[in-house]
PDB file of all heavy atoms in Angstrom:
ATOM      1  N   GLN A   1      96.128  61.349 172.640  1.00  0.00           N
ATOM      2  CA  GLN A   1      94.873  61.179 172.298  1.00  0.00           C
ATOM      3  C   GLN A   1      94.373  61.512 170.866  1.00  0.00           C
ATOM      4  O   GLN A   1      93.547  60.892 170.258  1.00  0.00           O
ATOM      5  CB  GLN A   1      93.893  62.067 173.337  1.00  0.00           C
ATOM      6  CG  GLN A   1      94.079  61.571 174.725  1.00  0.00           C
ATOM      7  CD  GLN A   1      93.168  60.397 175.008  1.00  0.00           C
ATOM      8  OE1 GLN A   1      92.867  59.616 174.138  1.00  0.00           O
ATOM      9  NE2 GLN A   1      92.927  60.218 176.249  1.00  0.00           N
ATOM     10  N   LYS A   2      95.025  62.581 170.398  1.00  0.00           N
ATOM     11  CA  LYS A   2      94.774  62.932 168.934  1.00  0.00           C
ATOM     12  C   LYS A   2      95.111  61.754 168.036  1.00  0.00           C
ATOM     13  O   LYS A   2      94.400  61.393 167.051  1.00  0.00           O
ATOM     14  CB  LYS A   2      95.672  64.140 168.577  1.00  0.00           C
ATOM     15  CG  LYS A   2      95.438  64.607 167.096  1.00  0.00           C
ATOM     16  CD  LYS A   2      96.333  65.773 166.811  1.00  0.00           C
ATOM     17  CE  LYS A   2      96.167  66.140 165.327  1.00  0.00           C
ATOM     18  NZ  LYS A   2      97.195  67.208 164.856  1.00  0.00           N
ATOM     19  N   ALA A   3      96.398  61.152 168.199  1.00  0.00           N
ATOM     20  CA  ALA A   3      96.801  60.067 167.443  1.00  0.00           C
ATOM     21  C   ALA A   3      95.904  58.932 167.540  1.00  0.00           C
ATOM     22  O   ALA A   3      95.484  58.284 166.552  1.00  0.00           O
ATOM     23  CB  ALA A   3      98.187  59.560 167.738  1.00  0.00           C
ATOM     24  N   VAL A   4      95.353  58.509 168.677  1.00  0.00           N
ATOM     25  CA  VAL A   4      94.422  57.371 168.892  1.00  0.00           C
ATOM     26  C   VAL A   4      93.193  57.625 168.079  1.00  0.00           C
ATOM     27  O   VAL A   4      92.713  56.797 167.335  1.00  0.00           O
ATOM     28  CB  VAL A   4      94.064  57.239 170.339  1.00  0.00           C
ATOM     29  CG1 VAL A   4      93.047  56.194 170.540  1.00  0.00           C
ATOM     30  CG2 VAL A   4      95.340  56.707 171.045  1.00  0.00           C
ATOM     31  N   LYS A   5      92.730  58.715 168.167  1.00  0.00           N
ATOM     32  CA  LYS A   5      91.404  59.116 167.455  1.00  0.00           C
ATOM     33  C   LYS A   5      91.581  59.227 165.935  1.00  0.00           C
ATOM     34  O   LYS A   5      90.819  58.670 165.226  1.00  0.00           O
ATOM     35  CB  LYS A   5      90.792  60.490 167.974  1.00  0.00           C
ATOM     36  CG  LYS A   5      89.483  60.683 167.409  1.00  0.00           C
ATOM     37  CD  LYS A   5      88.798  61.953 168.083  1.00  0.00           C
ATOM     38  CE  LYS A   5      87.536  62.280 167.437  1.00  0.00           C
ATOM     39  NZ  LYS A   5      86.876  63.521 167.996  1.00  0.00           N
ATOM     40  N   ALA A   6      92.575  60.014 165.517  1.00  0.00           N
ATOM     41  CA  ALA A   6      92.782  60.308 164.092  1.00  0.00           C
ATOM     42  C   ALA A   6      93.174  59.043 163.290  1.00  0.00           C
ATOM     43  O   ALA A   6      92.771  58.883 162.207  1.00  0.00           O
ATOM     44  CB  ALA A   6      93.844  61.423 163.969  1.00  0.00           C
ATOM     45  N   TRP A   7      94.001  58.211 163.942  1.00  0.00           N
ATOM     46  CA  TRP A   7      94.550  56.912 163.287  1.00  0.00           C
ATOM     47  C   TRP A   7      93.814  55.756 163.620  1.00  0.00           C
ATOM     48  O   TRP A   7      94.103  54.675 163.051  1.00  0.00           O
ATOM     49  CB  TRP A   7      95.977  56.706 163.658  1.00  0.00           C
ATOM     50  CG  TRP A   7      96.891  57.910 163.310  1.00  0.00           C
ATOM     51  CD1 TRP A   7      96.618  58.886 162.481  1.00  0.00           C
ATOM     52  CD2 TRP A   7      98.239  58.156 163.817  1.00  0.00           C
ATOM     53  NE1 TRP A   7      97.709  59.825 162.389  1.00  0.00           N
ATOM     54  CE2 TRP A   7      98.652  59.365 163.182  1.00  0.00           C
ATOM     55  CE3 TRP A   7      99.071  57.604 164.759  1.00  0.00           C
ATOM     56  CZ2 TRP A   7      99.939  59.940 163.534  1.00  0.00           C
ATOM     57  CZ3 TRP A   7     100.201  58.061 165.048  1.00  0.00           C
ATOM     58  CH2 TRP A   7     100.728  59.272 164.370  1.00  0.00           C
ATOM     59  N   GLY A   8      92.666  55.925 164.435  1.00  0.00           N
ATOM     60  CA  GLY A   8      91.842  54.631 164.657  1.00  0.00           C
ATOM     61  C   GLY A   8      92.644  53.614 165.344  1.00  0.00           C
ATOM     62  O   GLY A   8      92.618  52.385 165.017  1.00  0.00           O
ATOM     63  N   MET A   9      93.343  53.852 166.517  1.00  0.00           N
ATOM     64  CA  MET A   9      94.176  53.032 167.122  1.00  0.00           C
ATOM     65  C   MET A   9      93.531  52.086 168.197  1.00  0.00           C
ATOM     66  O   MET A   9      94.242  51.342 168.833  1.00  0.00           O
ATOM     67  CB  MET A   9      95.314  53.716 167.755  1.00  0.00           C
ATOM     68  CG  MET A   9      96.282  54.586 166.988  1.00  0.00           C
ATOM     69  SD  MET A   9      97.164  53.609 165.730  1.00  0.00           S
ATOM     70  CE  MET A   9      98.108  52.605 166.676  1.00  0.00           C
ATOM     71  N   GLU A  10      92.189  52.222 168.295  1.00  0.00           N
ATOM     72  CA  GLU A  10      91.481  51.572 169.410  1.00  0.00           C
ATOM     73  C   GLU A  10      91.794  50.092 169.591  1.00  0.00           C
ATOM     74  O   GLU A  10      92.162  49.457 170.580  1.00  0.00           O
ATOM     75  CB  GLU A  10      90.104  51.824 169.376  1.00  0.00           C
ATOM     76  CG  GLU A  10      89.603  53.262 169.599  1.00  0.00           C
ATOM     77  CD  GLU A  10      89.718  54.095 168.356  1.00  0.00           C
ATOM     78  OE1 GLU A  10      89.940  53.577 167.212  1.00  0.00           O
ATOM     79  OE2 GLU A  10      89.275  55.355 168.420  1.00  0.00           O
ATOM     80  N   ARG A  11      91.645  49.380 168.369  1.00  0.00           N
ATOM     81  CA  ARG A  11      91.866  47.858 168.327  1.00  0.00           C
ATOM     82  C   ARG A  11      93.348  47.571 168.530  1.00  0.00           C
ATOM     83  O   ARG A  11      93.725  46.533 169.100  1.00  0.00           O
ATOM     84  CB  ARG A  11      91.391  47.244 167.120  1.00  0.00           C
ATOM     85  CG  ARG A  11      91.375  45.816 167.104  1.00  0.00           C
ATOM     86  CD  ARG A  11      90.454  45.010 166.111  1.00  0.00           C
ATOM     87  NE  ARG A  11      90.405  43.589 166.354  1.00  0.00           N
ATOM     88  CZ  ARG A  11      89.696  42.786 165.672  1.00  0.00           C
ATOM     89  NH1 ARG A  11      88.894  43.253 164.841  1.00  0.00           N
ATOM     90  NH2 ARG A  11      89.798  41.555 165.961  1.00  0.00           N
ATOM     91  N   ASP A  12      94.178  48.366 168.038  1.00  0.00           N
ATOM     92  CA  ASP A  12      95.644  48.221 168.158  1.00  0.00           C
ATOM     93  C   ASP A  12      95.925  48.198 169.732  1.00  0.00           C
ATOM     94  O   ASP A  12      96.744  47.288 170.237  1.00  0.00           O
ATOM     95  CB  ASP A  12      96.456  49.238 167.432  1.00  0.00           C
ATOM     96  CG  ASP A  12      96.249  49.238 166.000  1.00  0.00           C
ATOM     97  OD1 ASP A  12      95.220  49.697 165.609  1.00  0.00           O
ATOM     98  OD2 ASP A  12      97.158  48.785 165.273  1.00  0.00           O
ATOM     99  N   LEU A  13      95.358  49.178 170.411  1.00  0.00           N
ATOM    100  CA  LEU A  13      95.699  49.294 171.818  1.00  0.00           C
ATOM    101  C   LEU A  13      95.135  48.206 172.710  1.00  0.00           C
ATOM    102  O   LEU A  13      95.583  47.948 173.824  1.00  0.00           O
ATOM    103  CB  LEU A  13      95.151  50.626 172.264  1.00  0.00           C
ATOM    104  CG  LEU A  13      95.969  51.930 171.840  1.00  0.00           C
ATOM    105  CD1 LEU A  13      95.192  53.145 172.271  1.00  0.00           C
ATOM    106  CD2 LEU A  13      97.322  51.909 172.356  1.00  0.00           C
ATOM    107  N   GLN A  14      94.124  47.543 172.254  1.00  0.00           N
ATOM    108  CA  GLN A  14      93.663  46.371 172.880  1.00  0.00           C
ATOM    109  C   GLN A  14      94.711  45.326 173.179  1.00  0.00           C
ATOM    110  O   GLN A  14      94.693  44.683 174.126  1.00  0.00           O
ATOM    111  CB  GLN A  14      92.559  45.711 172.032  1.00  0.00           C
ATOM    112  CG  GLN A  14      91.188  46.425 172.014  1.00  0.00           C
ATOM    113  CD  GLN A  14      90.246  45.650 171.147  1.00  0.00           C
ATOM    114  OE1 GLN A  14      90.439  44.633 170.528  1.00  0.00           O
ATOM    115  NE2 GLN A  14      88.992  46.183 171.087  1.00  0.00           N
ATOM    116  N   GLN A  15      95.750  45.214 172.334  1.00  0.00           N
ATOM    117  CA  GLN A  15      96.823  44.353 172.433  1.00  0.00           C
ATOM    118  C   GLN A  15      97.562  44.619 173.720  1.00  0.00           C
ATOM    119  O   GLN A  15      98.238  43.701 174.308  1.00  0.00           O
ATOM    120  CB  GLN A  15      97.812  44.417 171.315  1.00  0.00           C
ATOM    121  CG  GLN A  15      97.116  44.194 169.940  1.00  0.00           C
ATOM    122  CD  GLN A  15      96.552  42.792 169.827  1.00  0.00           C
ATOM    123  OE1 GLN A  15      97.154  41.768 170.181  1.00  0.00           O
ATOM    124  NE2 GLN A  15      95.297  42.730 169.514  1.00  0.00           N
ATOM    125  N   LYS A  16      97.464  45.791 174.284  1.00  0.00           N
ATOM    126  CA  LYS A  16      98.236  46.046 175.528  1.00  0.00           C
ATOM    127  C   LYS A  16      97.384  45.916 176.773  1.00  0.00           C
ATOM    128  O   LYS A  16      97.833  46.028 177.881  1.00  0.00           O
ATOM    129  CB  LYS A  16      98.631  47.497 175.473  1.00  0.00           C
ATOM    130  CG  LYS A  16      99.494  47.884 174.274  1.00  0.00           C
ATOM    131  CD  LYS A  16     100.588  46.930 173.859  1.00  0.00           C
ATOM    132  CE  LYS A  16     101.701  46.884 174.923  1.00  0.00           C
ATOM    133  NZ  LYS A  16     102.819  45.876 174.530  1.00  0.00           N
ATOM    134  N   LEU A  17      96.101  45.703 176.750  1.00  0.00           N
ATOM    135  CA  LEU A  17      95.207  45.550 177.872  1.00  0.00           C
ATOM    136  C   LEU A  17      95.501  44.369 178.684  1.00  0.00           C
ATOM    137  O   LEU A  17      95.740  43.232 178.112  1.00  0.00           O
ATOM    138  CB  LEU A  17      93.728  45.487 177.431  1.00  0.00           C
ATOM    139  CG  LEU A  17      93.094  46.704 176.917  1.00  0.00           C
ATOM    140  CD1 LEU A  17      91.751  46.436 176.371  1.00  0.00           C
ATOM    141  CD2 LEU A  17      93.116  47.876 177.717  1.00  0.00           C
ATOM    142  N   LYS A  18      95.488  44.510 179.987  1.00  0.00           N
ATOM    143  CA  LYS A  18      95.553  43.470 180.935  1.00  0.00           C
ATOM    144  C   LYS A  18      94.280  42.965 181.522  1.00  0.00           C
ATOM    145  O   LYS A  18      93.293  43.644 181.198  1.00  0.00           O
ATOM    146  CB  LYS A  18      96.550  43.847 182.135  1.00  0.00           C
ATOM    147  CG  LYS A  18      98.009  44.257 181.622  1.00  0.00           C
ATOM    148  CD  LYS A  18      98.556  43.181 180.623  1.00  0.00           C
ATOM    149  CE  LYS A  18      99.911  43.682 180.106  1.00  0.00           C
ATOM    150  NZ  LYS A  18     100.538  42.801 179.131  1.00  0.00           N
ATOM    151  N   SER A  19      94.252  42.107 182.474  1.00  0.00           N
ATOM    152  CA  SER A  19      93.018  41.504 182.892  1.00  0.00           C
ATOM    153  C   SER A  19      92.104  42.587 183.633  1.00  0.00           C
ATOM    154  O   SER A  19      90.881  42.386 183.791  1.00  0.00           O
ATOM    155  CB  SER A  19      93.239  40.363 183.862  1.00  0.00           C
ATOM    156  OG  SER A  19      94.086  40.721 184.966  1.00  0.00           O
ATOM    157  N   ASP A  20      92.733  43.547 184.091  1.00  0.00           N
ATOM    158  CA  ASP A  20      92.009  44.565 184.719  1.00  0.00           C
ATOM    159  C   ASP A  20      91.436  45.690 183.780  1.00  0.00           C
ATOM    160  O   ASP A  20      90.784  46.710 184.249  1.00  0.00           O
ATOM    161  CB  ASP A  20      92.838  45.327 185.929  1.00  0.00           C
ATOM    162  CG  ASP A  20      94.151  45.903 185.276  1.00  0.00           C
ATOM    163  OD1 ASP A  20      94.364  45.953 184.109  1.00  0.00           O
ATOM    164  OD2 ASP A  20      94.976  46.484 186.126  1.00  0.00           O
ATOM    165  N   GLY A  21      91.521  45.399 182.572  1.00  0.00           N
ATOM    166  CA  GLY A  21      91.029  46.394 181.516  1.00  0.00           C
ATOM    167  C   GLY A  21      91.822  47.641 181.393  1.00  0.00           C
ATOM    168  O   GLY A  21      91.402  48.594 180.755  1.00  0.00           O
ATOM    169  N   LYS A  22      93.196  47.622 181.941  1.00  0.00           N
ATOM    170  CA  LYS A  22      94.014  48.774 181.803  1.00  0.00           C
ATOM    171  C   LYS A  22      95.266  48.357 181.117  1.00  0.00           C
ATOM    172  O   LYS A  22      95.561  47.189 180.882  1.00  0.00           O
ATOM    173  CB  LYS A  22      94.373  49.222 183.233  1.00  0.00           C
ATOM    174  CG  LYS A  22      93.199  49.693 184.042  1.00  0.00           C
ATOM    175  CD  LYS A  22      93.649  50.137 185.446  1.00  0.00           C
ATOM    176  CE  LYS A  22      92.460  50.560 186.198  1.00  0.00           C
ATOM    177  NZ  LYS A  22      92.848  51.169 187.561  1.00  0.00           N
ATOM    178  N   TYR A  23      96.033  49.344 180.555  1.00  0.00           N
ATOM    179  CA  TYR A  23      97.340  49.094 180.030  1.00  0.00           C
ATOM    180  C   TYR A  23      98.432  49.878 180.729  1.00  0.00           C
ATOM    181  O   TYR A  23      98.130  50.902 181.386  1.00  0.00           O
ATOM    182  CB  TYR A  23      97.482  49.253 178.559  1.00  0.00           C
ATOM    183  CG  TYR A  23      97.070  50.533 177.995  1.00  0.00           C
ATOM    184  CD1 TYR A  23      98.037  51.651 177.952  1.00  0.00           C
ATOM    185  CD2 TYR A  23      95.742  50.816 177.343  1.00  0.00           C
ATOM    186  CE1 TYR A  23      97.643  52.840 177.429  1.00  0.00           C
ATOM    187  CE2 TYR A  23      95.421  52.083 176.802  1.00  0.00           C
ATOM    188  CZ  TYR A  23      96.380  53.105 176.821  1.00  0.00           C
ATOM    189  OH  TYR A  23      95.962  54.237 176.201  1.00  0.00           O
ATOM    190  N   TYR A  24      99.627  49.375 180.740  1.00  0.00           N
ATOM    191  CA  TYR A  24     100.812  49.796 181.537  1.00  0.00           C
ATOM    192  C   TYR A  24     101.961  50.397 180.829  1.00  0.00           C
ATOM    193  O   TYR A  24     103.009  50.583 181.397  1.00  0.00           O
ATOM    194  CB  TYR A  24     101.108  48.710 182.563  1.00  0.00           C
ATOM    195  CG  TYR A  24     100.137  48.333 183.546  1.00  0.00           C
ATOM    196  CD1 TYR A  24      98.945  47.795 183.228  1.00  0.00           C
ATOM    197  CD2 TYR A  24     100.274  48.800 184.855  1.00  0.00           C
ATOM    198  CE1 TYR A  24      97.969  47.460 184.193  1.00  0.00           C
ATOM    199  CE2 TYR A  24      99.261  48.467 185.864  1.00  0.00           C
ATOM    200  CZ  TYR A  24      98.050  47.826 185.460  1.00  0.00           C
ATOM    201  OH  TYR A  24      97.090  47.482 186.347  1.00  0.00           O
ATOM    202  N   VAL A  25     101.747  50.545 179.550  1.00  0.00           N
ATOM    203  CA  VAL A  25     102.887  51.069 178.698  1.00  0.00           C
ATOM    204  C   VAL A  25     102.263  52.031 177.687  1.00  0.00           C
ATOM    205  O   VAL A  25     101.157  51.756 177.227  1.00  0.00           O
ATOM    206  CB  VAL A  25     103.697  49.981 178.012  1.00  0.00           C
ATOM    207  CG1 VAL A  25     102.853  49.246 176.974  1.00  0.00           C
ATOM    208  CG2 VAL A  25     104.955  50.462 177.403  1.00  0.00           C
ATOM    209  N   LEU A  26     103.035  53.183 177.363  1.00  0.00           N
ATOM    210  CA  LEU A  26     102.577  54.048 176.259  1.00  0.00           C
ATOM    211  C   LEU A  26     103.335  53.498 175.069  1.00  0.00           C
ATOM    212  O   LEU A  26     104.554  53.725 175.077  1.00  0.00           O
ATOM    213  CB  LEU A  26     103.053  55.502 176.705  1.00  0.00           C
ATOM    214  CG  LEU A  26     102.249  56.182 177.830  1.00  0.00           C
ATOM    215  CD1 LEU A  26     103.002  57.356 178.266  1.00  0.00           C
ATOM    216  CD2 LEU A  26     100.850  56.373 177.369  1.00  0.00           C
ATOM    217  N   PRO A  27     102.646  52.837 174.191  1.00  0.00           N
ATOM    218  CA  PRO A  27     103.380  52.289 173.041  1.00  0.00           C
ATOM    219  C   PRO A  27     103.688  53.362 171.940  1.00  0.00           C
ATOM    220  O   PRO A  27     102.948  54.324 171.862  1.00  0.00           O
ATOM    221  CB  PRO A  27     102.428  51.295 172.487  1.00  0.00           C
ATOM    222  CG  PRO A  27     100.975  51.811 172.840  1.00  0.00           C
ATOM    223  CD  PRO A  27     101.178  52.521 174.190  1.00  0.00           C
ATOM    224  N   GLY A  28     104.755  53.077 171.224  1.00  0.00           N
ATOM    225  CA  GLY A  28     104.930  53.946 170.001  1.00  0.00           C
ATOM    226  C   GLY A  28     103.819  53.475 169.047  1.00  0.00           C
ATOM    227  O   GLY A  28     103.562  52.311 168.847  1.00  0.00           O
ATOM    228  N   MET A  29     103.145  54.616 168.441  1.00  0.00           N
ATOM    229  CA  MET A  29     102.170  54.314 167.532  1.00  0.00           C
ATOM    230  C   MET A  29     102.461  54.864 166.229  1.00  0.00           C
ATOM    231  O   MET A  29     102.771  55.979 166.057  1.00  0.00           O
ATOM    232  CB  MET A  29     100.801  55.005 167.997  1.00  0.00           C
ATOM    233  CG  MET A  29     100.333  54.477 169.405  1.00  0.00           C
ATOM    234  SD  MET A  29      98.687  55.102 169.900  1.00  0.00           S
ATOM    235  CE  MET A  29      99.001  56.830 170.175  1.00  0.00           C
ATOM    236  N   TRP A  30     102.303  54.037 165.215  1.00  0.00           N
ATOM    237  CA  TRP A  30     102.538  54.504 163.835  1.00  0.00           C
ATOM    238  C   TRP A  30     101.080  54.574 163.084  1.00  0.00           C
ATOM    239  O   TRP A  30     100.244  53.791 163.326  1.00  0.00           O
ATOM    240  CB  TRP A  30     103.267  53.466 163.127  1.00  0.00           C
ATOM    241  CG  TRP A  30     104.716  53.346 163.455  1.00  0.00           C
ATOM    242  CD1 TRP A  30     105.305  52.422 164.181  1.00  0.00           C
ATOM    243  CD2 TRP A  30     105.823  54.336 163.115  1.00  0.00           C
ATOM    244  NE1 TRP A  30     106.607  52.759 164.371  1.00  0.00           N
ATOM    245  CE2 TRP A  30     106.974  53.936 163.702  1.00  0.00           C
ATOM    246  CE3 TRP A  30     105.754  55.535 162.372  1.00  0.00           C
ATOM    247  CZ2 TRP A  30     108.180  54.520 163.535  1.00  0.00           C
ATOM    248  CZ3 TRP A  30     106.926  56.212 162.269  1.00  0.00           C
ATOM    249  CH2 TRP A  30     108.194  55.765 162.790  1.00  0.00           C
ATOM    250  N   GLU A  31     100.962  55.599 162.269  1.00  0.00           N
ATOM    251  CA  GLU A  31      99.729  55.784 161.449  1.00  0.00           C
ATOM    252  C   GLU A  31      99.417  54.693 160.609  1.00  0.00           C
ATOM    253  O   GLU A  31      98.333  54.188 160.336  1.00  0.00           O
ATOM    254  CB  GLU A  31      99.779  57.063 160.686  1.00  0.00           C
ATOM    255  CG  GLU A  31      98.565  57.477 159.941  1.00  0.00           C
ATOM    256  CD  GLU A  31      98.631  58.746 159.165  1.00  0.00           C
ATOM    257  OE1 GLU A  31      99.685  59.294 159.107  1.00  0.00           O
ATOM    258  OE2 GLU A  31      97.604  59.133 158.562  1.00  0.00           O
ATOM    259  N   SER A  32     100.510  54.101 160.076  1.00  0.00           N
ATOM    260  CA  SER A  32     100.372  52.895 159.132  1.00  0.00           C
ATOM    261  C   SER A  32     101.491  51.939 159.480  1.00  0.00           C
ATOM    262  O   SER A  32     102.558  52.256 159.957  1.00  0.00           O
ATOM    263  CB  SER A  32     100.387  53.306 157.684  1.00  0.00           C
ATOM    264  OG  SER A  32     101.626  53.925 157.363  1.00  0.00           O
ATOM    265  N   PRO A  33     101.162  50.614 159.278  1.00  0.00           N
ATOM    266  CA  PRO A  33     102.194  49.631 159.505  1.00  0.00           C
ATOM    267  C   PRO A  33     103.347  49.697 158.541  1.00  0.00           C
ATOM    268  O   PRO A  33     103.259  50.234 157.391  1.00  0.00           O
ATOM    269  CB  PRO A  33     101.546  48.230 159.288  1.00  0.00           C
ATOM    270  CG  PRO A  33     100.388  48.554 158.399  1.00  0.00           C
ATOM    271  CD  PRO A  33     100.054  50.008 158.679  1.00  0.00           C
ATOM    272  N   GLY A  34     104.501  49.219 159.002  1.00  0.00           N
ATOM    273  CA  GLY A  34     105.712  49.219 158.241  1.00  0.00           C
ATOM    274  C   GLY A  34     105.753  48.060 157.161  1.00  0.00           C
ATOM    275  O   GLY A  34     104.911  47.166 157.109  1.00  0.00           O
ATOM    276  N   ALA A  35     106.882  48.026 156.479  1.00  0.00           N
ATOM    277  CA  ALA A  35     106.971  47.057 155.440  1.00  0.00           C
ATOM    278  C   ALA A  35     107.599  45.722 156.058  1.00  0.00           C
ATOM    279  O   ALA A  35     107.235  44.531 155.583  1.00  0.00           O
ATOM    280  CB  ALA A  35     107.954  47.477 154.242  1.00  0.00           C
ATOM    281  N   GLY A  36     108.420  45.790 156.982  1.00  0.00           N
ATOM    282  CA  GLY A  36     108.987  44.551 157.706  1.00  0.00           C
ATOM    283  C   GLY A  36     109.989  43.855 156.908  1.00  0.00           C
ATOM    284  O   GLY A  36     110.555  44.257 155.856  1.00  0.00           O
ATOM    285  N   TYR A  37     110.190  42.668 157.279  1.00  0.00           N
ATOM    286  CA  TYR A  37     111.182  41.732 156.674  1.00  0.00           C
ATOM    287  C   TYR A  37     110.565  40.926 155.488  1.00  0.00           C
ATOM    288  O   TYR A  37     109.412  40.610 155.404  1.00  0.00           O
ATOM    289  CB  TYR A  37     111.650  40.756 157.636  1.00  0.00           C
ATOM    290  CG  TYR A  37     112.768  41.322 158.663  1.00  0.00           C
ATOM    291  CD1 TYR A  37     112.208  42.019 159.735  1.00  0.00           C
ATOM    292  CD2 TYR A  37     114.065  41.077 158.562  1.00  0.00           C
ATOM    293  CE1 TYR A  37     113.156  42.636 160.759  1.00  0.00           C
ATOM    294  CE2 TYR A  37     114.956  41.584 159.383  1.00  0.00           C
ATOM    295  CZ  TYR A  37     114.429  42.417 160.486  1.00  0.00           C
ATOM    296  OH  TYR A  37     115.325  42.969 161.381  1.00  0.00           O
ATOM    297  N   SER A  38     111.485  40.734 154.487  1.00  0.00           N
ATOM    298  CA  SER A  38     111.219  39.913 153.360  1.00  0.00           C
ATOM    299  C   SER A  38     112.521  39.373 152.844  1.00  0.00           C
ATOM    300  O   SER A  38     113.394  39.088 153.672  1.00  0.00           O
ATOM    301  CB  SER A  38     110.454  40.849 152.277  1.00  0.00           C
ATOM    302  OG  SER A  38     110.088  40.011 151.195  1.00  0.00           O
ATOM    303  N   TYR A  39     112.522  38.980 151.576  1.00  0.00           N
ATOM    304  CA  TYR A  39     113.661  38.437 150.907  1.00  0.00           C
ATOM    305  C   TYR A  39     114.372  39.420 150.026  1.00  0.00           C
ATOM    306  O   TYR A  39     113.660  40.037 149.114  1.00  0.00           O
ATOM    307  CB  TYR A  39     113.149  37.167 150.071  1.00  0.00           C
ATOM    308  CG  TYR A  39     112.494  36.149 150.910  1.00  0.00           C
ATOM    309  CD1 TYR A  39     111.016  36.016 150.738  1.00  0.00           C
ATOM    310  CD2 TYR A  39     113.114  35.250 151.664  1.00  0.00           C
ATOM    311  CE1 TYR A  39     110.364  35.139 151.513  1.00  0.00           C
ATOM    312  CE2 TYR A  39     112.443  34.289 152.478  1.00  0.00           C
ATOM    313  CZ  TYR A  39     111.010  34.206 152.350  1.00  0.00           C
ATOM    314  OH  TYR A  39     110.412  33.257 153.068  1.00  0.00           O
ATOM    315  N   MET A  40     115.686  39.615 150.316  1.00  0.00           N
ATOM    316  CA  MET A  40     116.504  40.433 149.454  1.00  0.00           C
ATOM    317  C   MET A  40     117.091  39.610 148.441  1.00  0.00           C
ATOM    318  O   MET A  40     117.657  38.498 148.695  1.00  0.00           O
ATOM    319  CB  MET A  40     117.640  41.110 150.351  1.00  0.00           C
ATOM    320  CG  MET A  40     118.651  41.936 149.549  1.00  0.00           C
ATOM    321  SD  MET A  40     119.828  42.645 150.707  1.00  0.00           S
ATOM    322  CE  MET A  40     120.563  41.290 151.548  1.00  0.00           C
ATOM    323  N   ILE A  41     116.966  39.898 147.099  1.00  0.00           N
ATOM    324  CA  ILE A  41     117.403  39.007 146.027  1.00  0.00           C
ATOM    325  C   ILE A  41     118.389  39.729 145.219  1.00  0.00           C
ATOM    326  O   ILE A  41     118.410  41.002 145.208  1.00  0.00           O
ATOM    327  CB  ILE A  41     116.109  38.517 145.153  1.00  0.00           C
ATOM    328  CG1 ILE A  41     115.648  39.775 144.357  1.00  0.00           C
ATOM    329  CG2 ILE A  41     115.022  37.849 145.983  1.00  0.00           C
ATOM    330  CD1 ILE A  41     114.604  39.228 143.239  1.00  0.00           C
TER     331      ILE A  41
END
């Protein structure tokens, strides 16, 4: 709960909601997004 509130994860967690308005997995939560894939030159 601290992470959700401190990092503003509410909209992120919407991605896990099902039609009943609930979610069924505890996702790993990062304070900030990662860099991801790009082009190594």
